[in-house]
C-alpha atoms as a PDB file:
ATOM      1  CA  UNK A   1       0.000   0.000   0.000  1.00  0.00           C
ATOM      2  CA  UNK A   2       1.492   3.336  -1.072  1.00  0.00           C
ATOM      3  CA  UNK A   3       1.931   6.054   1.470  1.00  0.00           C
ATOM      4  CA  UNK A   4       1.598   9.750   0.841  1.00  0.00           C
ATOM      5  CA  UNK A   5       4.511  12.123   1.383  1.00  0.00           C
ATOM      6  CA  UNK A   6       5.414  12.479   5.014  1.00  0.00           C
ATOM      7  CA  UNK A   7       4.918  15.920   6.497  1.00  0.00           C
ATOM      8  CA  UNK A   8       8.048  17.561   7.868  1.00  0.00           C
ATOM      9  CA  UNK A   9       7.793  18.477  11.529  1.00  0.00           C
ATOM     10  CA  UNK A  10       9.211  21.956  12.097  1.00  0.00           C
ATOM     11  CA  UNK A  11      10.870  22.783  15.380  1.00  0.00           C
ATOM     12  CA  UNK A  12       9.499  25.804  17.213  1.00  0.00           C
ATOM     13  CA  UNK A  13      13.016  26.819  18.302  1.00  0.00           C
ATOM     14  CA  UNK A  14      16.546  26.376  17.030  1.00  0.00           C
ATOM     15  CA  UNK A  15      18.257  23.407  18.662  1.00  0.00           C
ATOM     16  CA  UNK A  16      20.974  25.512  20.317  1.00  0.00           C
ATOM     17  CA  UNK A  17      20.302  28.602  22.425  1.00  0.00           C
ATOM     18  CA  UNK A  18      22.341  31.714  21.660  1.00  0.00           C
ATOM     19  CA  UNK A  19      24.120  34.246  23.866  1.00  0.00           C
ATOM     20  CA  UNK A  20      23.140  37.539  22.255  1.00  0.00           C
ATOM     21  CA  UNK A  21      24.225  41.119  22.923  1.00  0.00           C
ATOM     22  CA  UNK A  22      21.404  43.512  23.796  1.00  0.00           C
ATOM     23  CA  UNK A  23      22.626  45.802  21.017  1.00  0.00           C
ATOM     24  CA  UNK A  24      21.630  43.108  18.502  1.00  0.00           C
ATOM     25  CA  UNK A  25      18.092  42.703  19.883  1.00  0.00           C
ATOM     26  CA  UNK A  26      15.208  44.931  18.750  1.00  0.00           C
ATOM     27  CA  UNK A  27      12.308  44.980  21.265  1.00  0.00           C
ATOM     28  CA  UNK A  28       8.746  45.082  19.971  1.00  0.00           C
ATOM     29  CA  UNK A  29       7.772  47.632  22.620  1.00  0.00           C
ATOM     30  CA  UNK A  30       9.284  49.835  25.298  1.00  0.00           C
ATOM     31  CA  UNK A  31       8.873  49.230  29.042  1.00  0.00           C
ATOM     32  CA  UNK A  32       6.976  52.174  30.596  1.00  0.00           C
ATOM     33  CA  UNK A  33       8.130  53.669  33.905  1.00  0.00           C
ATOM     34  CA  UNK A  34       4.816  52.606  35.502  1.00  0.00           C
ATOM     35  CA  UNK A  35       5.628  48.955  34.750  1.00  0.00           C
ATOM     36  CA  UNK A  36       9.062  49.326  36.347  1.00  0.00           C
ATOM     37  CA  UNK A  37       7.369  50.484  39.527  1.00  0.00           C
ATOM     38  CA  UNK A  38       5.016  47.491  39.578  1.00  0.00           C
ATOM     39  CA  UNK A  39       5.234  44.538  41.989  1.00  0.00           C
ATOM     40  CA  UNK A  40       5.660  42.137  39.071  1.00  0.00           C
ATOM     41  CA  UNK A  41       8.755  43.960  37.836  1.00  0.00           C
ATOM     42  CA  UNK A  42      10.145  44.023  41.376  1.00  0.00           C
ATOM     43  CA  UNK A  43       9.704  40.250  41.594  1.00  0.00           C
ATOM     44  CA  UNK A  44      11.582  39.779  38.332  1.00  0.00           C
ATOM     45  CA  UNK A  45      14.463  41.954  39.556  1.00  0.00           C
ATOM     46  CA  UNK A  46      14.641  40.069  42.879  1.00  0.00           C
ATOM     47  CA  UNK A  47      14.426  36.697  41.130  1.00  0.00           C
ATOM     48  CA  UNK A  48      17.303  37.534  38.778  1.00  0.00           C
ATOM     49  CA  UNK A  49      19.438  38.711  41.683  1.00  0.00           C
ATOM     50  CA  UNK A  50      18.824  35.505  43.648  1.00  0.00           C
ATOM     51  CA  UNK A  51      18.604  32.676  41.113  1.00  0.00           C
ATOM     52  CA  UNK A  52      19.365  34.267  37.735  1.00  0.00           C
ATOM     53  CA  UNK A  53      17.248  33.911  34.593  1.00  0.00           C
ATOM     54  CA  UNK A  54      14.831  30.992  35.015  1.00  0.00           C
ATOM     55  CA  UNK A  55      13.065  31.315  31.662  1.00  0.00           C
ATOM     56  CA  UNK A  56      15.260  32.596  28.778  1.00  0.00           C
ATOM     57  CA  UNK A  57      13.916  35.425  26.607  1.00  0.00           C
ATOM     58  CA  UNK A  58      12.630  34.387  23.181  1.00  0.00           C
ATOM     59  CA  UNK A  59      13.868  36.046  19.994  1.00  0.00           C
ATOM     60  CA  UNK A  60      13.553  35.487  16.256  1.00  0.00           C
ATOM     61  CA  UNK A  61      16.073  36.279  13.552  1.00  0.00           C
ATOM     62  CA  UNK A  62      15.132  39.328  11.469  1.00  0.00           C
ATOM     63  CA  UNK A  63      14.303  38.610   7.857  1.00  0.00           C
ATOM     64  CA  UNK A  64      17.100  39.778   5.588  1.00  0.00           C
ATOM     65  CA  UNK A  65      19.465  40.292   8.533  1.00  0.00           C
ATOM     66  CA  UNK A  66      19.917  37.050  10.523  1.00  0.00           C
ATOM     67  CA  UNK A  67      22.529  38.656  12.782  1.00  0.00           C
ATOM     68  CA  UNK A  68      19.834  40.868  14.347  1.00  0.00           C
ATOM     69  CA  UNK A  69      16.897  39.637  16.396  1.00  0.00           C
ATOM     70  CA  UNK A  70      13.328  40.602  17.251  1.00  0.00           C
ATOM     71  CA  UNK A  71      12.433  40.206  20.923  1.00  0.00           C
ATOM     72  CA  UNK A  72       9.228  38.155  21.091  1.00  0.00           C
ATOM     73  CA  UNK A  73       9.068  37.549  24.834  1.00  0.00           C
ATOM     74  CA  UNK A  74      11.127  38.721  27.807  1.00  0.00           C
ATOM     75  CA  UNK A  75      11.005  42.516  27.641  1.00  0.00           C
ATOM     76  CA  UNK A  76      10.922  42.894  31.436  1.00  0.00           C
ATOM     77  CA  UNK A  77      13.701  40.365  32.029  1.00  0.00           C
ATOM     78  CA  UNK A  78      16.007  42.091  29.557  1.00  0.00           C
ATOM     79  CA  UNK A  79      15.206  45.507  31.006  1.00  0.00           C
ATOM     80  CA  UNK A  80      16.063  44.218  34.486  1.00  0.00           C
ATOM     81  CA  UNK A  81      19.348  42.781  33.196  1.00  0.00           C
ATOM     82  CA  UNK A  82      20.234  46.092  31.544  1.00  0.00           C
ATOM     83  CA  UNK A  83      19.687  47.895  34.848  1.00  0.00           C
ATOM     84  CA  UNK A  84      22.137  45.462  36.451  1.00  0.00           C
ATOM     85  CA  UNK A  85      24.756  46.443  33.889  1.00  0.00           C
ATOM     86  CA  UNK A  86      24.539  43.239  31.842  1.00  0.00           C
ATOM     87  CA  UNK A  87      25.198  43.509  28.101  1.00  0.00           C
ATOM     88  CA  UNK A  88      24.061  40.099  26.824  1.00  0.00           C
ATOM     89  CA  UNK A  89      21.775  37.192  27.642  1.00  0.00           C
ATOM     90  CA  UNK A  90      21.189  33.573  26.587  1.00  0.00           C
ATOM     91  CA  UNK A  91      18.026  33.388  24.442  1.00  0.00           C
ATOM     92  CA  UNK A  92      15.830  30.786  22.810  1.00  0.00           C
ATOM     93  CA  UNK A  93      15.713  31.491  19.073  1.00  0.00           C
ATOM     94  CA  UNK A  94      12.270  30.901  17.572  1.00  0.00           C
ATOM     95  CA  UNK A  95      12.068  29.608  14.021  1.00  0.00           C
ATOM     96  CA  UNK A  96       9.127  31.939  13.309  1.00  0.00           C
ATOM     97  CA  UNK A  97       8.995  35.704  13.826  1.00  0.00           C
ATOM     98  CA  UNK A  98       5.233  35.668  14.420  1.00  0.00           C
ATOM     99  CA  UNK A  99       4.968  37.160  17.895  1.00  0.00           C
ATOM    100  CA  UNK A 100       1.197  36.582  17.931  1.00  0.00           C
ATOM    101  CA  UNK A 101       1.667  32.854  17.283  1.00  0.00           C
ATOM    102  CA  UNK A 102       4.199  32.447  20.057  1.00  0.00           C
ATOM    103  CA  UNK A 103       2.474  34.559  22.680  1.00  0.00           C
ATOM    104  CA  UNK A 104      -0.880  32.873  22.084  1.00  0.00           C
ATOM    105  CA  UNK A 105       0.573  29.601  23.321  1.00  0.00           C
ATOM    106  CA  UNK A 106       2.891  30.964  25.964  1.00  0.00           C
ATOM    107  CA  UNK A 107       2.306  29.819  29.537  1.00  0.00           C
ATOM    108  CA  UNK A 108       2.430  32.843  31.779  1.00  0.00           C
ATOM    109  CA  UNK A 109       3.358  32.603  35.437  1.00  0.00           C
ATOM    110  CA  UNK A 110      -0.135  31.912  36.687  1.00  0.00           C
ATOM    111  CA  UNK A 111      -0.456  30.616  40.272  1.00  0.00           C
ATOM    112  CA  UNK A 112      -0.343  26.950  39.229  1.00  0.00           C
ATOM    113  CA  UNK A 113       2.687  27.559  37.030  1.00  0.00           C
ATOM    114  CA  UNK A 114       4.368  29.411  39.883  1.00  0.00           C
ATOM    115  CA  UNK A 115       3.528  26.505  42.215  1.00  0.00           C
ATOM    116  CA  UNK A 116       5.249  24.061  39.866  1.00  0.00           C
ATOM    117  CA  UNK A 117       8.240  26.365  39.444  1.00  0.00           C
ATOM    118  CA  UNK A 118       8.641  26.533  43.236  1.00  0.00           C
ATOM    119  CA  UNK A 119       8.418  22.731  43.560  1.00  0.00           C
ATOM    120  CA  UNK A 120      11.101  22.329  40.885  1.00  0.00           C
ATOM    121  CA  UNK A 121      13.336  24.890  42.592  1.00  0.00           C
ATOM    122  CA  UNK A 122      12.954  23.131  45.964  1.00  0.00           C
ATOM    123  CA  UNK A 123      13.672  19.790  44.305  1.00  0.00           C
ATOM    124  CA  UNK A 124      16.928  21.258  42.964  1.00  0.00           C
ATOM    125  CA  UNK A 125      17.946  22.387  46.440  1.00  0.00           C
ATOM    126  CA  UNK A 126      16.716  25.981  46.694  1.00  0.00           C
ATOM    127  CA  UNK A 127      15.687  26.935  50.231  1.00  0.00           C
ATOM    128  CA  UNK A 128      12.350  28.547  51.111  1.00  0.00           C
ATOM    129  CA  UNK A 129      14.214  31.628  52.341  1.00  0.00           C
ATOM    130  CA  UNK A 130      16.000  32.056  49.011  1.00  0.00           C
ATOM    131  CA  UNK A 131      12.804  31.573  47.028  1.00  0.00           C
ATOM    132  CA  UNK A 132      10.964  34.080  49.222  1.00  0.00           C
ATOM    133  CA  UNK A 133      13.662  36.660  48.555  1.00  0.00           C
ATOM    134  CA  UNK A 134      13.677  35.877  44.819  1.00  0.00           C
ATOM    135  CA  UNK A 135       9.917  36.329  44.516  1.00  0.00           C
ATOM    136  CA  UNK A 136       9.821  39.259  46.949  1.00  0.00           C
ATOM    137  CA  UNK A 137       7.337  37.547  49.310  1.00  0.00           C
ATOM    138  CA  UNK A 138       7.467  36.161  52.857  1.00  0.00           C
ATOM    139  CA  UNK A 139       8.252  32.534  53.700  1.00  0.00           C
ATOM    140  CA  UNK A 140       4.646  31.807  54.704  1.00  0.00           C
ATOM    141  CA  UNK A 141       3.568  32.780  51.194  1.00  0.00           C
ATOM    142  CA  UNK A 142       6.117  30.373  49.693  1.00  0.00           C
ATOM    143  CA  UNK A 143       4.767  27.561  51.875  1.00  0.00           C
ATOM    144  CA  UNK A 144       1.191  28.342  50.856  1.00  0.00           C
ATOM    145  CA  UNK A 145       2.196  28.281  47.191  1.00  0.00           C
ATOM    146  CA  UNK A 146       3.979  24.962  47.629  1.00  0.00           C
ATOM    147  CA  UNK A 147       0.755  23.476  49.037  1.00  0.00           C
ATOM    148  CA  UNK A 148      -1.493  25.175  46.481  1.00  0.00           C
ATOM    149  CA  UNK A 149      -2.642  21.979  44.762  1.00  0.00           C
ATOM    150  CA  UNK A 150      -2.958  19.778  47.855  1.00  0.00           C
ATOM    151  CA  UNK A 151      -6.549  18.559  47.627  1.00  0.00           C
ATOM    152  CA  UNK A 152      -6.996  19.688  44.001  1.00  0.00           C
ATOM    153  CA  UNK A 153      -7.465  16.899  41.461  1.00  0.00           C
ATOM    154  CA  UNK A 154      -5.108  16.664  38.469  1.00  0.00           C
ATOM    155  CA  UNK A 155      -7.857  17.430  35.944  1.00  0.00           C
ATOM    156  CA  UNK A 156      -8.677  20.745  37.651  1.00  0.00           C
ATOM    157  CA  UNK A 157      -4.984  21.659  37.889  1.00  0.00           C
ATOM    158  CA  UNK A 158      -4.737  21.135  34.120  1.00  0.00           C
ATOM    159  CA  UNK A 159      -7.911  23.137  33.407  1.00  0.00           C
ATOM    160  CA  UNK A 160      -6.828  26.132  35.498  1.00  0.00           C
ATOM    161  CA  UNK A 161      -3.075  26.093  34.905  1.00  0.00           C
ATOM    162  CA  UNK A 162      -3.043  29.144  32.616  1.00  0.00           C
ATOM    163  CA  UNK A 163      -5.512  31.314  34.549  1.00  0.00           C
ATOM    164  CA  UNK A 164      -4.833  33.922  37.216  1.00  0.00           C
ATOM    165  CA  UNK A 165      -6.767  32.283  40.057  1.00  0.00           C
ATOM    166  CA  UNK A 166      -6.905  33.875  43.547  1.00  0.00           C
ATOM    167  CA  UNK A 167      -5.380  31.614  46.194  1.00  0.00           C
ATOM    168  CA  UNK A 168      -8.581  31.674  48.263  1.00  0.00           C
ATOM    169  CA  UNK A 169     -10.507  30.266  45.295  1.00  0.00           C
ATOM    170  CA  UNK A 170      -8.402  27.101  45.510  1.00  0.00           C
ATOM    171  CA  UNK A 171      -9.320  26.814  49.200  1.00  0.00           C
ATOM    172  CA  UNK A 172     -12.997  26.761  48.230  1.00  0.00           C
ATOM    173  CA  UNK A 173     -12.465  24.172  45.486  1.00  0.00           C
ATOM    174  CA  UNK A 174     -10.726  21.897  47.990  1.00  0.00           C
ATOM    175  CA  UNK A 175     -14.066  21.566  49.807  1.00  0.00           C
ATOM    176  CA  UNK A 176     -15.432  19.642  46.816  1.00  0.00           C
ATOM    177  CA  UNK A 177     -15.014  16.091  45.658  1.00  0.00           C
ATOM    178  CA  UNK A 178     -13.048  15.631  42.382  1.00  0.00           C
ATOM    179  CA  UNK A 179     -15.992  15.363  39.960  1.00  0.00           C
ATOM    180  CA  UNK A 180     -17.654  18.463  41.416  1.00  0.00           C
ATOM    181  CA  UNK A 181     -14.283  20.257  41.363  1.00  0.00           C
ATOM    182  CA  UNK A 182     -14.045  19.627  37.637  1.00  0.00           C
ATOM    183  CA  UNK A 183     -17.596  20.880  37.026  1.00  0.00           C
ATOM    184  CA  UNK A 184     -16.921  23.999  39.126  1.00  0.00           C
ATOM    185  CA  UNK A 185     -13.669  24.714  37.269  1.00  0.00           C
ATOM    186  CA  UNK A 186     -15.386  24.367  33.883  1.00  0.00           C
ATOM    187  CA  UNK A 187     -18.139  26.685  35.093  1.00  0.00           C
ATOM    188  CA  UNK A 188     -15.631  29.339  36.221  1.00  0.00           C
ATOM    189  CA  UNK A 189     -13.794  29.183  32.890  1.00  0.00           C
ATOM    190  CA  UNK A 190     -17.000  29.491  30.866  1.00  0.00           C
ATOM    191  CA  UNK A 191     -18.179  32.431  32.979  1.00  0.00           C
ATOM    192  CA  UNK A 192     -14.668  33.907  33.214  1.00  0.00           C
ATOM    193  CA  UNK A 193     -15.241  34.379  36.936  1.00  0.00           C
ATOM    194  CA  UNK A 194     -12.599  33.068  39.350  1.00  0.00           C
ATOM    195  CA  UNK A 195     -13.238  35.069  42.514  1.00  0.00           C
ATOM    196  CA  UNK A 196     -13.595  33.530  45.974  1.00  0.00           C
ATOM    197  CA  UNK A 197     -17.266  34.664  46.345  1.00  0.00           C
ATOM    198  CA  UNK A 198     -18.157  32.983  43.059  1.00  0.00           C
ATOM    199  CA  UNK A 199     -16.379  29.793  44.158  1.00  0.00           C
ATOM    200  CA  UNK A 200     -18.243  29.954  47.484  1.00  0.00           C
ATOM    201  CA  UNK A 201     -21.533  30.118  45.601  1.00  0.00           C
ATOM    202  CA  UNK A 202     -20.591  27.017  43.611  1.00  0.00           C
ATOM    203  CA  UNK A 203     -19.658  25.192  46.804  1.00  0.00           C
ATOM    204  CA  UNK A 204     -22.844  26.246  48.595  1.00  0.00           C
ATOM    205  CA  UNK A 205     -24.982  25.087  45.668  1.00  0.00           C
ATOM    206  CA  UNK A 206     -23.352  21.642  45.697  1.00  0.00           C
ATOM    207  CA  UNK A 207     -25.151  18.625  47.102  1.00  0.00           C
ATOM    208  CA  UNK A 208     -23.964  16.869  50.268  1.00  0.00           C
ATOM    209  CA  UNK A 209     -22.566  14.001  48.211  1.00  0.00           C
ATOM    210  CA  UNK A 210     -20.415  16.433  46.194  1.00  0.00           C
ATOM    211  CA  UNK A 211     -18.659  17.777  49.295  1.00  0.00           C
ATOM    212  CA  UNK A 212     -15.738  16.151  51.082  1.00  0.00           C
ATOM    213  CA  UNK A 213     -16.875  14.546  54.327  1.00  0.00           C
ATOM    214  CA  UNK A 214     -15.421  17.231  56.632  1.00  0.00           C
ATOM    215  CA  UNK A 215     -17.522  19.916  54.885  1.00  0.00           C
ATOM    216  CA  UNK A 216     -20.898  18.165  54.831  1.00  0.00           C
ATOM    217  CA  UNK A 217     -21.850  19.071  58.379  1.00  0.00           C
ATOM    218  CA  UNK A 218     -20.953  22.739  57.850  1.00  0.00           C
ATOM    219  CA  UNK A 219     -23.332  23.071  54.923  1.00  0.00           C
ATOM    220  CA  UNK A 220     -26.056  21.058  56.623  1.00  0.00           C
ATOM    221  CA  UNK A 221     -26.189  23.738  59.347  1.00  0.00           C
ATOM    222  CA  UNK A 222     -27.674  26.219  56.874  1.00  0.00           C
ATOM    223  CA  UNK A 223     -31.290  27.155  57.465  1.00  0.00           C
ATOM    224  CA  UNK A 224     -34.049  26.220  55.022  1.00  0.00           C
ATOM    225  CA  UNK A 225     -34.253  29.860  53.872  1.00  0.00           C
ATOM    226  CA  UNK A 226     -30.494  29.952  53.217  1.00  0.00           C
ATOM    227  CA  UNK A 227     -30.642  26.686  51.307  1.00  0.00           C
ATOM    228  CA  UNK A 228     -33.535  28.013  49.214  1.00  0.00           C
ATOM    229  CA  UNK A 229     -31.513  31.131  48.417  1.00  0.00           C
ATOM    230  CA  UNK A 230     -28.515  29.020  47.398  1.00  0.00           C
ATOM    231  CA  UNK A 231     -30.678  26.861  45.164  1.00  0.00           C
ATOM    232  CA  UNK A 232     -32.025  29.969  43.397  1.00  0.00           C
ATOM    233  CA  UNK A 233     -28.474  31.257  42.932  1.00  0.00           C
ATOM    234  CA  UNK A 234     -27.427  27.895  41.516  1.00  0.00           C
ATOM    235  CA  UNK A 235     -30.332  27.936  39.067  1.00  0.00           C
ATOM    236  CA  UNK A 236     -29.402  31.460  37.968  1.00  0.00           C
ATOM    237  CA  UNK A 237     -25.788  30.413  37.476  1.00  0.00           C
ATOM    238  CA  UNK A 238     -26.862  27.446  35.358  1.00  0.00           C
ATOM    239  CA  UNK A 239     -28.996  29.725  33.159  1.00  0.00           C
ATOM    240  CA  UNK A 240     -26.169  32.243  32.743  1.00  0.00           C
ATOM    241  CA  UNK A 241     -23.767  29.431  32.000  1.00  0.00           C
ATOM    242  CA  UNK A 242     -25.948  28.016  29.220  1.00  0.00           C
ATOM    243  CA  UNK A 243     -26.537  31.431  27.629  1.00  0.00           C
ATOM    244  CA  UNK A 244     -22.842  32.269  27.604  1.00  0.00           C
ATOM    245  CA  UNK A 245     -21.911  28.789  26.425  1.00  0.00           C
ATOM    246  CA  UNK A 246     -24.107  29.210  23.331  1.00  0.00           C
ATOM    247  CA  UNK A 247     -22.231  32.259  22.050  1.00  0.00           C
ATOM    248  CA  UNK A 248     -18.845  31.805  23.703  1.00  0.00           C
ATOM    249  CA  UNK A 249     -17.120  29.986  20.842  1.00  0.00           C
ATOM    250  CA  UNK A 250     -17.977  32.555  18.168  1.00  0.00           C
ATOM    251  CA  UNK A 251     -17.290  35.526  20.457  1.00  0.00           C
ATOM    252  CA  UNK A 252     -13.947  34.124  21.552  1.00  0.00           C
ATOM    253  CA  UNK A 253     -12.892  33.453  17.964  1.00  0.00           C
ATOM    254  CA  UNK A 254     -13.822  37.005  16.927  1.00  0.00           C
ATOM    255  CA  UNK A 255     -11.845  38.414  19.852  1.00  0.00           C
ATOM    256  CA  UNK A 256      -8.766  36.305  19.111  1.00  0.00           C
ATOM    257  CA  UNK A 257      -8.819  37.313  15.440  1.00  0.00           C
ATOM    258  CA  UNK A 258      -9.306  40.991  16.247  1.00  0.00           C
ATOM    259  CA  UNK A 259      -6.541  41.174  18.851  1.00  0.00           C
ATOM    260  CA  UNK A 260      -4.249  39.129  16.615  1.00  0.00           C
ATOM    261  CA  UNK A 261      -4.806  41.613  13.809  1.00  0.00           C
ATOM    262  CA  UNK A 262      -4.047  44.527  16.157  1.00  0.00           C
ATOM    263  CA  UNK A 263      -0.804  42.837  17.235  1.00  0.00           C
ATOM    264  CA  UNK A 264       0.281  42.542  13.627  1.00  0.00           C
ATOM    265  CA  UNK A 265      -0.586  46.170  12.964  1.00  0.00           C
ATOM    266  CA  UNK A 266       1.443  47.437  15.911  1.00  0.00           C
ATOM    267  CA  UNK A 267       4.411  45.295  14.879  1.00  0.00           C
ATOM    268  CA  UNK A 268       4.503  47.147  11.541  1.00  0.00           C
ATOM    269  CA  UNK A 269       6.810  50.156  11.918  1.00  0.00           C
ATOM    270  CA  UNK A 270       5.163  52.112   9.098  1.00  0.00           C
ATOM    271  CA  UNK A 271       1.707  51.646  10.594  1.00  0.00           C
ATOM    272  CA  UNK A 272       2.918  52.712  14.049  1.00  0.00           C
ATOM    273  CA  UNK A 273       4.533  55.837  12.623  1.00  0.00           C
ATOM    274  CA  UNK A 274       1.361  56.776  10.753  1.00  0.00           C
ATOM    275  CA  UNK A 275      -0.873  56.206  13.780  1.00  0.00           C
ATOM    276  CA  UNK A 276       1.516  58.120  16.044  1.00  0.00           C
ATOM    277  CA  UNK A 277       1.415  61.088  13.657  1.00  0.00           C
ATOM    278  CA  UNK A 278      -2.277  61.119  12.728  1.00  0.00           C
ATOM    279  CA  UNK A 279      -4.187  59.065  15.333  1.00  0.00           C
ATOM    280  CA  UNK A 280      -2.148  58.859  18.565  1.00  0.00           C
ATOM    281  CA  UNK A 281      -5.271  58.186  20.623  1.00  0.00           C
ATOM    282  CA  UNK A 282      -6.020  55.053  18.561  1.00  0.00           C
ATOM    283  CA  UNK A 283      -2.439  53.846  18.892  1.00  0.00           C
ATOM    284  CA  UNK A 284      -2.636  54.232  22.671  1.00  0.00           C
ATOM    285  CA  UNK A 285      -5.871  52.194  22.802  1.00  0.00           C
ATOM    286  CA  UNK A 286      -4.421  49.506  20.527  1.00  0.00           C
ATOM    287  CA  UNK A 287      -1.392  49.177  22.812  1.00  0.00           C
ATOM    288  CA  UNK A 288      -3.631  48.879  25.887  1.00  0.00           C
ATOM    289  CA  UNK A 289      -5.608  46.061  24.236  1.00  0.00           C
ATOM    290  CA  UNK A 290      -2.411  44.225  23.340  1.00  0.00           C
ATOM    291  CA  UNK A 291      -0.985  44.619  26.860  1.00  0.00           C
ATOM    292  CA  UNK A 292      -4.218  43.235  28.361  1.00  0.00           C
ATOM    293  CA  UNK A 293      -4.105  40.314  25.927  1.00  0.00           C
ATOM    294  CA  UNK A 294      -0.501  39.476  26.856  1.00  0.00           C
ATOM    295  CA  UNK A 295      -1.258  39.820  30.579  1.00  0.00           C
ATOM    296  CA  UNK A 296      -3.910  37.113  30.221  1.00  0.00           C
END
């Protein structure tokens, strides 16, 4: 039986990382002073001082000039290194210069990702004190982050791994049995609501059999009026969930396409120059949309 031509599998990155001078790297955007004053930037600075670069910046070779590079990811890390007096950094070199393609699939340091990073660091011998200093938090916070997924089933950890989930929301989910945890996580994703009060509502609307044994008595102490209120809230949530679920796919696709198009526009130097000269207010709004997209 004849076989069709095999498809070549392209690597996302070059096989060997490169140590590149900052003078050969062209950033896609500047780092505003407000960002440098943020807690996130402070954490990056502290982390670099304590344990160095954990995740290398990502660059792509410029078309027509392979000795120069576009910075796809790592603007804050490189800025922090420059402030330390560094002149070069080891980078991953992407085989595509499509920043939108890379960033769409990039795993940001969401709480679950941070939890796994901390576990890996501890496994390699890093102390809690050193990690606390690197992340600019206290030791109790490091311990809480290490225990973040204790009581959370693997399926939920996978579902929520890329979302910015408040720590107290995980505490509420731990009151549920695995199957109900999964349903609650799917509900939060569909509704794009991850707050502790919303998680509490999901827990309160759960049946006794969906709660872990230590929580069943607590919920059973609710009065009939409170239980009736919770049941109404649960019914409302289910209705909202179904309405949003019907249009979510199309709306999400439209949003992804629109923001992707804006990213491509802002990466075009000629377009940026024109907007800066004739429509600076539009350029500012476009940049805000892109920053929000990358933050999520």
